Amino acid sequence: MQEEMVLTRTSEEKRALEKDISSLKKDVLNIQKKKNDLEEEVAALQDLSGKQSEAALNTKVFTSMPNAIPIDQIEESNQLPGTFETTNKECVTAVVVEYTNN
């Protein structure tokens, strides 16, 4: 009789552990799905961020020099090439054009 009680208790403990394991497996799958969703969101935001910075670069207006005329429109330009590294470790080459107010 005592052996039956021990076996019953052991079986109940085994079922409880199996239930816990099943629950933990579901949690792991949910965490992996959430991780994948977040990675996709990060990639989309990085892509959007890159496009926004490119657009900002292409439409840059020097509001501090509203009457400025690029020197290359009136005489030889003084262009200074430079290579910069972005936070994404991408190299960007730019040409800085000197402006003058006439």
PDB file of N, CA and C in Angstrom:
ATOM      1  N   MET A   1       0.807  -1.183   0.000  1.00  0.00           N
ATOM      2  CA  MET A   1       0.000   0.000   0.000  1.00  0.00           C
ATOM      3  C   MET A   1       0.864   1.267   0.000  1.00  0.00           C
ATOM      4  N   GLN A   2       1.922   1.228   0.765  1.00  0.00           N
ATOM      5  CA  GLN A   2       2.823   2.367   0.813  1.00  0.00           C
ATOM      6  C   GLN A   2       3.521   2.533  -0.542  1.00  0.00           C
ATOM      7  N   GLU A   3       3.841   1.426  -1.190  1.00  0.00           N
ATOM      8  CA  GLU A   3       4.466   1.496  -2.517  1.00  0.00           C
ATOM      9  C   GLU A   3       3.525   2.138  -3.521  1.00  0.00           C
ATOM     10  N   GLU A   4       2.246   1.829  -3.451  1.00  0.00           N
ATOM     11  CA  GLU A   4       1.265   2.412  -4.364  1.00  0.00           C
ATOM     12  C   GLU A   4       1.174   3.922  -4.160  1.00  0.00           C
ATOM     13  N   MET A   5       1.228   4.365  -2.923  1.00  0.00           N
ATOM     14  CA  MET A   5       1.174   5.800  -2.638  1.00  0.00           C
ATOM     15  C   MET A   5       2.407   6.507  -3.198  1.00  0.00           C
ATOM     16  N   VAL A   6       3.550   5.868  -3.066  1.00  0.00           N
ATOM     17  CA  VAL A   6       4.795   6.443  -3.590  1.00  0.00           C
ATOM     18  C   VAL A   6       4.721   6.513  -5.103  1.00  0.00           C
ATOM     19  N   LEU A   7       4.232   5.441  -5.745  1.00  0.00           N
ATOM     20  CA  LEU A   7       4.113   5.427  -7.203  1.00  0.00           C
ATOM     21  C   LEU A   7       3.105   6.467  -7.685  1.00  0.00           C
ATOM     22  N   THR A   8       2.001   6.608  -6.984  1.00  0.00           N
ATOM     23  CA  THR A   8       0.988   7.601  -7.353  1.00  0.00           C
ATOM     24  C   THR A   8       1.560   9.009  -7.242  1.00  0.00           C
ATOM     25  N   ARG A   9       2.256   9.262  -6.141  1.00  0.00           N
ATOM     26  CA  ARG A   9       2.856  10.581  -5.946  1.00  0.00           C
ATOM     27  C   ARG A   9       3.915  10.842  -7.009  1.00  0.00           C
ATOM     28  N   THR A  10       4.713   9.840  -7.339  1.00  0.00           N
ATOM     29  CA  THR A  10       5.743   9.984  -8.355  1.00  0.00           C
ATOM     30  C   THR A  10       5.109  10.250  -9.718  1.00  0.00           C
ATOM     31  N   SER A  11       4.028   9.565 -10.035  1.00  0.00           N
ATOM     32  CA  SER A  11       3.330   9.781 -11.305  1.00  0.00           C
ATOM     33  C   SER A  11       2.758  11.190 -11.380  1.00  0.00           C
ATOM     34  N   GLU A  12       2.199  11.670 -10.281  1.00  0.00           N
ATOM     35  CA  GLU A  12       1.650  13.030 -10.243  1.00  0.00           C
ATOM     36  C   GLU A  12       2.756  14.069 -10.419  1.00  0.00           C
ATOM     37  N   GLU A  13       3.879  13.830  -9.774  1.00  0.00           N
ATOM     38  CA  GLU A  13       5.015  14.746  -9.918  1.00  0.00           C
ATOM     39  C   GLU A  13       5.522  14.738 -11.356  1.00  0.00           C
ATOM     40  N   LYS A  14       5.553  13.545 -11.957  1.00  0.00           N
ATOM     41  CA  LYS A  14       6.013  13.428 -13.342  1.00  0.00           C
ATOM     42  C   LYS A  14       5.077  14.208 -14.264  1.00  0.00           C
ATOM     43  N   ARG A  15       3.753  14.063 -14.091  1.00  0.00           N
ATOM     44  CA  ARG A  15       2.788  14.793 -14.918  1.00  0.00           C
ATOM     45  C   ARG A  15       2.931  16.305 -14.719  1.00  0.00           C
ATOM     46  N   ALA A  16       3.144  16.720 -13.481  1.00  0.00           N
ATOM     47  CA  ALA A  16       3.318  18.153 -13.205  1.00  0.00           C
ATOM     48  C   ALA A  16       4.573  18.685 -13.889  1.00  0.00           C
ATOM     49  N   LEU A  17       5.651  17.896 -13.847  1.00  0.00           N
ATOM     50  CA  LEU A  17       6.892  18.311 -14.509  1.00  0.00           C
ATOM     51  C   LEU A  17       6.712  18.357 -16.025  1.00  0.00           C
ATOM     52  N   GLU A  18       6.016  17.377 -16.585  1.00  0.00           N
ATOM     53  CA  GLU A  18       5.766  17.370 -18.029  1.00  0.00           C
ATOM     54  C   GLU A  18       4.932  18.582 -18.438  1.00  0.00           C
ATOM     55  N   LYS A  19       3.961  18.941 -17.596  1.00  0.00           N
ATOM     56  CA  LYS A  19       3.139  20.119 -17.865  1.00  0.00           C
ATOM     57  C   LYS A  19       3.998  21.385 -17.821  1.00  0.00           C
ATOM     58  N   ASP A  20       4.889  21.466 -16.841  1.00  0.00           N
ATOM     59  CA  ASP A  20       5.804  22.613 -16.745  1.00  0.00           C
ATOM     60  C   ASP A  20       6.706  22.703 -17.975  1.00  0.00           C
ATOM     61  N   ILE A  21       7.212  21.547 -18.410  1.00  0.00           N
ATOM     62  CA  ILE A  21       8.090  21.516 -19.587  1.00  0.00           C
ATOM     63  C   ILE A  21       7.330  21.991 -20.815  1.00  0.00           C
ATOM     64  N   SER A  22       6.105  21.519 -20.972  1.00  0.00           N
ATOM     65  CA  SER A  22       5.281  21.934 -22.108  1.00  0.00           C
ATOM     66  C   SER A  22       5.041  23.442 -22.083  1.00  0.00           C
ATOM     67  N   SER A  23       4.756  23.965 -20.919  1.00  0.00           N
ATOM     68  CA  SER A  23       4.531  25.404 -20.768  1.00  0.00           C
ATOM     69  C   SER A  23       5.799  26.197 -21.098  1.00  0.00           C
ATOM     70  N   LEU A  24       6.942  25.695 -20.647  1.00  0.00           N
ATOM     71  CA  LEU A  24       8.213  26.371 -20.931  1.00  0.00           C
ATOM     72  C   LEU A  24       8.532  26.346 -22.423  1.00  0.00           C
ATOM     73  N   LYS A  25       8.229  25.240 -23.092  1.00  0.00           N
ATOM     74  CA  LYS A  25       8.459  25.157 -24.542  1.00  0.00           C
ATOM     75  C   LYS A  25       7.612  26.191 -25.275  1.00  0.00           C
ATOM     76  N   LYS A  26       6.356  26.361 -24.841  1.00  0.00           N
ATOM     77  CA  LYS A  26       5.492  27.376 -25.452  1.00  0.00           C
ATOM     78  C   LYS A  26       6.067  28.771 -25.220  1.00  0.00           C
ATOM     79  N   ASP A  27       6.569  29.009 -24.012  1.00  0.00           N
ATOM     80  CA  ASP A  27       7.177  30.305 -23.705  1.00  0.00           C
ATOM     81  C   ASP A  27       8.379  30.577 -24.605  1.00  0.00           C
ATOM     82  N   VAL A  28       9.207  29.553 -24.810  1.00  0.00           N
ATOM     83  CA  VAL A  28      10.391  29.703 -25.668  1.00  0.00           C
ATOM     84  C   VAL A  28       9.965  30.042 -27.091  1.00  0.00           C
ATOM     85  N   LEU A  29       8.952  29.349 -27.609  1.00  0.00           N
ATOM     86  CA  LEU A  29       8.469  29.635 -28.963  1.00  0.00           C
ATOM     87  C   LEU A  29       7.926  31.060 -29.067  1.00  0.00           C
ATOM     88  N   ASN A  30       7.195  31.499 -28.045  1.00  0.00           N
ATOM     89  CA  ASN A  30       6.673  32.870 -28.047  1.00  0.00           C
ATOM     90  C   ASN A  30       7.800  33.898 -28.010  1.00  0.00           C
ATOM     91  N   ILE A  31       8.829  33.619 -27.228  1.00  0.00           N
ATOM     92  CA  ILE A  31       9.980  34.526 -27.140  1.00  0.00           C
ATOM     93  C   ILE A  31      10.706  34.584 -28.478  1.00  0.00           C
ATOM     94  N   GLN A  32      10.889  33.429 -29.130  1.00  0.00           N
ATOM     95  CA  GLN A  32      11.559  33.407 -30.433  1.00  0.00           C
ATOM     96  C   GLN A  32      10.758  34.187 -31.473  1.00  0.00           C
ATOM     97  N   LYS A  33       9.435  34.036 -31.447  1.00  0.00           N
ATOM     98  CA  LYS A  33       8.591  34.773 -32.390  1.00  0.00           C
ATOM     99  C   LYS A  33       8.708  36.274 -32.133  1.00  0.00           C
ATOM    100  N   LYS A  34       8.648  36.668 -30.874  1.00  0.00           N
ATOM    101  CA  LYS A  34       8.770  38.087 -30.521  1.00  0.00           C
ATOM    102  C   LYS A  34      10.139  38.631 -30.951  1.00  0.00           C
ATOM    103  N   LYS A  35      11.188  37.836 -30.755  1.00  0.00           N
ATOM    104  CA  LYS A  35      12.539  38.244 -31.155  1.00  0.00           C
ATOM    105  C   LYS A  35      12.597  38.462 -32.666  1.00  0.00           C
ATOM    106  N   ASN A  36      12.033  37.520 -33.436  1.00  0.00           N
ATOM    107  CA  ASN A  36      12.025  37.662 -34.893  1.00  0.00           C
ATOM    108  C   ASN A  36      11.242  38.898 -35.323  1.00  0.00           C
ATOM    109  N   ASP A  37      10.095  39.138 -34.676  1.00  0.00           N
ATOM    110  CA  ASP A  37       9.303  40.325 -34.995  1.00  0.00           C
ATOM    111  C   ASP A  37      10.091  41.600 -34.716  1.00  0.00           C
ATOM    112  N   LEU A  38      10.793  41.630 -33.584  1.00  0.00           N
ATOM    113  CA  LEU A  38      11.590  42.807 -33.233  1.00  0.00           C
ATOM    114  C   LEU A  38      12.756  43.007 -34.197  1.00  0.00           C
ATOM    115  N   GLU A  39      13.396  41.911 -34.622  1.00  0.00           N
ATOM    116  CA  GLU A  39      14.495  42.023 -35.586  1.00  0.00           C
ATOM    117  C   GLU A  39      13.992  42.587 -36.911  1.00  0.00           C
ATOM    118  N   GLU A  40      12.810  42.147 -37.350  1.00  0.00           N
ATOM    119  CA  GLU A  40      12.226  42.680 -38.579  1.00  0.00           C
ATOM    120  C   GLU A  40      11.904  44.164 -38.425  1.00  0.00           C
ATOM    121  N   GLU A  41      11.393  44.543 -37.271  1.00  0.00           N
ATOM    122  CA  GLU A  41      11.066  45.945 -37.020  1.00  0.00           C
ATOM    123  C   GLU A  41      12.328  46.805 -37.004  1.00  0.00           C
ATOM    124  N   VAL A  42      13.389  46.303 -36.392  1.00  0.00           N
ATOM    125  CA  VAL A  42      14.666  47.032 -36.361  1.00  0.00           C
ATOM    126  C   VAL A  42      15.197  47.216 -37.778  1.00  0.00           C
ATOM    127  N   ALA A  43      15.145  46.152 -38.588  1.00  0.00           N
ATOM    128  CA  ALA A  43      15.628  46.242 -39.968  1.00  0.00           C
ATOM    129  C   ALA A  43      14.817  47.269 -40.755  1.00  0.00           C
ATOM    130  N   ALA A  44      13.503  47.267 -40.566  1.00  0.00           N
ATOM    131  CA  ALA A  44      12.650  48.230 -41.267  1.00  0.00           C
ATOM    132  C   ALA A  44      12.962  49.655 -40.826  1.00  0.00           C
ATOM    133  N   LEU A  45      13.182  49.854 -39.528  1.00  0.00           N
ATOM    134  CA  LEU A  45      13.510  51.191 -39.025  1.00  0.00           C
ATOM    135  C   LEU A  45      14.873  51.660 -39.522  1.00  0.00           C
ATOM    136  N   GLN A  46      15.841  50.742 -39.590  1.00  0.00           N
ATOM    137  CA  GLN A  46      17.160  51.113 -40.107  1.00  0.00           C
ATOM    138  C   GLN A  46      17.063  51.497 -41.575  1.00  0.00           C
ATOM    139  N   ASP A  47      16.267  50.746 -42.336  1.00  0.00           N
ATOM    140  CA  ASP A  47      16.080  51.051 -43.747  1.00  0.00           C
ATOM    141  C   ASP A  47      15.419  52.416 -43.907  1.00  0.00           C
ATOM    142  N   LEU A  48      14.384  52.660 -43.119  1.00  0.00           N
ATOM    143  CA  LEU A  48      13.683  53.941 -43.162  1.00  0.00           C
ATOM    144  C   LEU A  48      14.605  55.075 -42.734  1.00  0.00           C
ATOM    145  N   SER A  49      15.395  54.835 -41.702  1.00  0.00           N
ATOM    146  CA  SER A  49      16.326  55.842 -41.210  1.00  0.00           C
ATOM    147  C   SER A  49      17.341  56.206 -42.287  1.00  0.00           C
ATOM    148  N   GLY A  50      17.859  55.195 -42.986  1.00  0.00           N
ATOM    149  CA  GLY A  50      18.817  55.442 -44.059  1.00  0.00           C
ATOM    150  C   GLY A  50      18.210  56.255 -45.178  1.00  0.00           C
ATOM    151  N   LYS A  51      16.976  55.944 -45.532  1.00  0.00           N
ATOM    152  CA  LYS A  51      16.304  56.684 -46.604  1.00  0.00           C
ATOM    153  C   LYS A  51      16.038  58.117 -46.185  1.00  0.00           C
ATOM    154  N   GLN A  52      15.668  58.324 -44.921  1.00  0.00           N
ATOM    155  CA  GLN A  52      15.403  59.681 -44.450  1.00  0.00           C
ATOM    156  C   GLN A  52      16.678  60.512 -44.442  1.00  0.00           C
ATOM    157  N   SER A  53      17.801  59.928 -44.028  1.00  0.00           N
ATOM    158  CA  SER A  53      19.040  60.701 -43.995  1.00  0.00           C
ATOM    159  C   SER A  53      19.512  61.015 -45.408  1.00  0.00           C
ATOM    160  N   GLU A  54      19.297  60.076 -46.366  1.00  0.00           N
ATOM    161  CA  GLU A  54      19.652  60.354 -47.753  1.00  0.00           C
ATOM    162  C   GLU A  54      18.796  61.489 -48.297  1.00  0.00           C
ATOM    163  N   ALA A  55      17.506  61.451 -47.998  1.00  0.00           N
ATOM    164  CA  ALA A  55      16.607  62.501 -48.470  1.00  0.00           C
ATOM    165  C   ALA A  55      16.995  63.841 -47.859  1.00  0.00           C
ATOM    166  N   ALA A  56      17.343  63.831 -46.585  1.00  0.00           N
ATOM    167  CA  ALA A  56      17.746  65.068 -45.922  1.00  0.00           C
ATOM    168  C   ALA A  56      19.024  65.614 -46.547  1.00  0.00           C
ATOM    169  N   LEU A  57      19.958  64.725 -46.891  1.00  0.00           N
ATOM    170  CA  LEU A  57      21.204  65.151 -47.511  1.00  0.00           C
ATOM    171  C   LEU A  57      20.943  65.752 -48.886  1.00  0.00           C
ATOM    172  N   ASN A  58      20.054  65.139 -49.654  1.00  0.00           N
ATOM    173  CA  ASN A  58      19.773  65.610 -51.006  1.00  0.00           C
ATOM    174  C   ASN A  58      18.981  66.912 -51.035  1.00  0.00           C
ATOM    175  N   THR A  59      18.278  67.239 -49.969  1.00  0.00           N
ATOM    176  CA  THR A  59      17.449  68.441 -49.967  1.00  0.00           C
ATOM    177  C   THR A  59      17.945  69.472 -48.957  1.00  0.00           C
ATOM    178  N   LYS A  60      19.214  69.415 -48.614  1.00  0.00           N
ATOM    179  CA  LYS A  60      19.781  70.326 -47.616  1.00  0.00           C
ATOM    180  C   LYS A  60      19.729  71.766 -48.123  1.00  0.00           C
ATOM    181  N   VAL A  61      19.170  72.643 -47.314  1.00  0.00           N
ATOM    182  CA  VAL A  61      19.096  74.064 -47.646  1.00  0.00           C
ATOM    183  C   VAL A  61      19.851  74.825 -46.564  1.00  0.00           C
ATOM    184  N   PHE A  62      20.721  75.697 -46.991  1.00  0.00           N
ATOM    185  CA  PHE A  62      21.491  76.484 -46.040  1.00  0.00           C
ATOM    186  C   PHE A  62      20.692  77.737 -45.692  1.00  0.00           C
ATOM    187  N   THR A  63      19.826  77.627 -44.693  1.00  0.00           N
ATOM    188  CA  THR A  63      18.984  78.761 -44.317  1.00  0.00           C
ATOM    189  C   THR A  63      19.797  79.890 -43.707  1.00  0.00           C
ATOM    190  N   SER A  64      20.981  79.574 -43.200  1.00  0.00           N
ATOM    191  CA  SER A  64      21.807  80.631 -42.612  1.00  0.00           C
ATOM    192  C   SER A  64      22.463  81.494 -43.680  1.00  0.00           C
ATOM    193  N   MET A  65      22.433  81.044 -44.946  1.00  0.00           N
ATOM    194  CA  MET A  65      23.018  81.806 -46.047  1.00  0.00           C
ATOM    195  C   MET A  65      21.998  81.918 -47.181  1.00  0.00           C
ATOM    196  N   PRO A  66      20.899  82.633 -46.970  1.00  0.00           N
ATOM    197  CA  PRO A  66      19.837  82.662 -47.981  1.00  0.00           C
ATOM    198  C   PRO A  66      20.259  83.291 -49.304  1.00  0.00           C
ATOM    199  N   ASN A  67      21.239  84.197 -49.275  1.00  0.00           N
ATOM    200  CA  ASN A  67      21.665  84.861 -50.509  1.00  0.00           C
ATOM    201  C   ASN A  67      22.980  84.308 -51.040  1.00  0.00           C
ATOM    202  N   ALA A  68      23.389  83.183 -50.538  1.00  0.00           N
ATOM    203  CA  ALA A  68      24.680  82.626 -50.934  1.00  0.00           C
ATOM    204  C   ALA A  68      24.629  82.112 -52.365  1.00  0.00           C
ATOM    205  N   ILE A  69      25.728  82.320 -53.070  1.00  0.00           N
ATOM    206  CA  ILE A  69      25.871  81.815 -54.438  1.00  0.00           C
ATOM    207  C   ILE A  69      27.081  80.892 -54.434  1.00  0.00           C
ATOM    208  N   PRO A  70      26.928  79.678 -54.929  1.00  0.00           N
ATOM    209  CA  PRO A  70      28.104  78.805 -54.971  1.00  0.00           C
ATOM    210  C   PRO A  70      29.216  79.452 -55.788  1.00  0.00           C
ATOM    211  N   ILE A  71      30.442  79.362 -55.294  1.00  0.00           N
ATOM    212  CA  ILE A  71      31.580  79.978 -55.981  1.00  0.00           C
ATOM    213  C   ILE A  71      31.727  79.436 -57.391  1.00  0.00           C
ATOM    214  N   ASP A  72      31.412  78.140 -57.600  1.00  0.00           N
ATOM    215  CA  ASP A  72      31.611  77.579 -58.931  1.00  0.00           C
ATOM    216  C   ASP A  72      30.676  78.207 -59.963  1.00  0.00           C
ATOM    217  N   GLN A  73      29.698  78.988 -59.529  1.00  0.00           N
ATOM    218  CA  GLN A  73      28.838  79.686 -60.475  1.00  0.00           C
ATOM    219  C   GLN A  73      29.432  81.034 -60.881  1.00  0.00           C
ATOM    220  N   ILE A  74      30.383  81.531 -60.118  1.00  0.00           N
ATOM    221  CA  ILE A  74      30.944  82.840 -60.445  1.00  0.00           C
ATOM    222  C   ILE A  74      32.442  82.788 -60.755  1.00  0.00           C
ATOM    223  N   GLU A  75      33.126  81.774 -60.312  1.00  0.00           N
ATOM    224  CA  GLU A  75      34.551  81.616 -60.586  1.00  0.00           C
ATOM    225  C   GLU A  75      34.926  80.164 -60.310  1.00  0.00           C
ATOM    226  N   GLU A  76      36.199  79.863 -60.325  1.00  0.00           N
ATOM    227  CA  GLU A  76      36.619  78.491 -60.035  1.00  0.00           C
ATOM    228  C   GLU A  76      36.168  78.101 -58.639  1.00  0.00           C
ATOM    229  N   SER A  77      35.639  76.913 -58.542  1.00  0.00           N
ATOM    230  CA  SER A  77      35.158  76.490 -57.222  1.00  0.00           C
ATOM    231  C   SER A  77      36.301  75.961 -56.370  1.00  0.00           C
ATOM    232  N   ASN A  78      36.118  76.064 -55.107  1.00  0.00           N
ATOM    233  CA  ASN A  78      37.075  75.541 -54.140  1.00  0.00           C
ATOM    234  C   ASN A  78      36.402  74.353 -53.454  1.00  0.00           C
ATOM    235  N   GLN A  79      36.493  73.180 -54.077  1.00  0.00           N
ATOM    236  CA  GLN A  79      35.814  72.005 -53.544  1.00  0.00           C
ATOM    237  C   GLN A  79      36.778  71.165 -52.727  1.00  0.00           C
ATOM    238  N   LEU A  80      36.315  70.737 -51.578  1.00  0.00           N
ATOM    239  CA  LEU A  80      37.133  69.940 -50.678  1.00  0.00           C
ATOM    240  C   LEU A  80      36.501  68.561 -50.505  1.00  0.00           C
ATOM    241  N   PRO A  81      37.049  67.535 -51.162  1.00  0.00           N
ATOM    242  CA  PRO A  81      36.449  66.209 -50.991  1.00  0.00           C
ATOM    243  C   PRO A  81      36.778  65.646 -49.614  1.00  0.00           C
ATOM    244  N   GLY A  82      35.888  64.858 -49.091  1.00  0.00           N
ATOM    245  CA  GLY A  82      36.121  64.230 -47.797  1.00  0.00           C
ATOM    246  C   GLY A  82      35.382  62.916 -47.710  1.00  0.00           C
ATOM    247  N   THR A  83      35.964  61.961 -47.027  1.00  0.00           N
ATOM    248  CA  THR A  83      35.310  60.674 -46.817  1.00  0.00           C
ATOM    249  C   THR A  83      34.989  60.553 -45.340  1.00  0.00           C
ATOM    250  N   PHE A  84      33.770  60.189 -45.053  1.00  0.00           N
ATOM    251  CA  PHE A  84      33.303  60.085 -43.682  1.00  0.00           C
ATOM    252  C   PHE A  84      32.770  58.690 -43.432  1.00  0.00           C
ATOM    253  N   GLU A  85      32.833  58.259 -42.201  1.00  0.00           N
ATOM    254  CA  GLU A  85      32.280  56.962 -41.832  1.00  0.00           C
ATOM    255  C   GLU A  85      31.029  57.204 -41.001  1.00  0.00           C
ATOM    256  N   THR A  86      29.920  56.571 -41.411  1.00  0.00           N
ATOM    257  CA  THR A  86      28.664  56.741 -40.681  1.00  0.00           C
ATOM    258  C   THR A  86      28.641  55.808 -39.483  1.00  0.00           C
ATOM    259  N   THR A  87      27.594  55.939 -38.668  1.00  0.00           N
ATOM    260  CA  THR A  87      27.455  55.064 -37.503  1.00  0.00           C
ATOM    261  C   THR A  87      27.204  53.626 -37.912  1.00  0.00           C
ATOM    262  N   ASN A  88      26.768  53.398 -39.157  1.00  0.00           N
ATOM    263  CA  ASN A  88      26.554  52.036 -39.659  1.00  0.00           C
ATOM    264  C   ASN A  88      27.804  51.488 -40.330  1.00  0.00           C
ATOM    265  N   LYS A  89      28.927  52.158 -40.152  1.00  0.00           N
ATOM    266  CA  LYS A  89      30.216  51.767 -40.725  1.00  0.00           C
ATOM    267  C   LYS A  89      30.193  51.793 -42.256  1.00  0.00           C
ATOM    268  N   GLU A  90      29.402  52.705 -42.828  1.00  0.00           N
ATOM    269  CA  GLU A  90      29.371  52.883 -44.268  1.00  0.00           C
ATOM    270  C   GLU A  90      30.225  54.102 -44.597  1.00  0.00           C
ATOM    271  N   CYS A  91      30.943  54.046 -45.699  1.00  0.00           N
ATOM    272  CA  CYS A  91      31.752  55.191 -46.105  1.00  0.00           C
ATOM    273  C   CYS A  91      30.932  56.092 -47.019  1.00  0.00           C
ATOM    274  N   VAL A  92      30.990  57.374 -46.751  1.00  0.00           N
ATOM    275  CA  VAL A  92      30.281  58.362 -47.550  1.00  0.00           C
ATOM    276  C   VAL A  92      31.304  59.378 -48.018  1.00  0.00           C
ATOM    277  N   THR A  93      31.354  59.612 -49.316  1.00  0.00           N
ATOM    278  CA  THR A  93      32.247  60.629 -49.852  1.00  0.00           C
ATOM    279  C   THR A  93      31.412  61.851 -50.185  1.00  0.00           C
ATOM    280  N   ALA A  94      31.871  62.992 -49.745  1.00  0.00           N
ATOM    281  CA  ALA A  94      31.126  64.228 -49.970  1.00  0.00           C
ATOM    282  C   ALA A  94      32.070  65.297 -50.490  1.00  0.00           C
ATOM    283  N   VAL A  95      31.509  66.248 -51.173  1.00  0.00           N
ATOM    284  CA  VAL A  95      32.272  67.396 -51.634  1.00  0.00           C
ATOM    285  C   VAL A  95      31.667  68.623 -50.975  1.00  0.00           C
ATOM    286  N   VAL A  96      32.503  69.362 -50.279  1.00  0.00           N
ATOM    287  CA  VAL A  96      32.052  70.588 -49.627  1.00  0.00           C
ATOM    288  C   VAL A  96      32.372  71.740 -50.564  1.00  0.00           C
ATOM    289  N   VAL A  97      31.353  72.489 -50.924  1.00  0.00           N
ATOM    290  CA  VAL A  97      31.535  73.614 -51.840  1.00  0.00           C
ATOM    291  C   VAL A  97      31.523  74.899 -51.025  1.00  0.00           C
ATOM    292  N   GLU A  98      32.521  75.713 -51.264  1.00  0.00           N
ATOM    293  CA  GLU A  98      32.613  76.981 -50.537  1.00  0.00           C
ATOM    294  C   GLU A  98      31.614  77.972 -51.128  1.00  0.00           C
ATOM    295  N   TYR A  99      30.890  78.657 -50.250  1.00  0.00           N
ATOM    296  CA  TYR A  99      29.900  79.646 -50.684  1.00  0.00           C
ATOM    297  C   TYR A  99      30.381  81.042 -50.312  1.00  0.00           C
ATOM    298  N   THR A 100      29.886  82.022 -51.052  1.00  0.00           N
ATOM    299  CA  THR A 100      30.203  83.408 -50.745  1.00  0.00           C
ATOM    300  C   THR A 100      28.937  84.249 -50.874  1.00  0.00           C
ATOM    301  N   ASN A 101      28.836  85.293 -50.100  1.00  0.00           N
ATOM    302  CA  ASN A 101      27.717  86.235 -50.205  1.00  0.00           C
ATOM    303  C   ASN A 101      28.190  87.453 -50.982  1.00  0.00           C
ATOM    304  N   ASN A 102      27.516  87.757 -52.061  1.00  0.00           N
ATOM    305  CA  ASN A 102      27.880  88.943 -52.854  1.00  0.00           C
ATOM    306  C   ASN A 102      26.809  89.986 -52.754  1.00  0.00           C
TER     307      ASN A 102
END
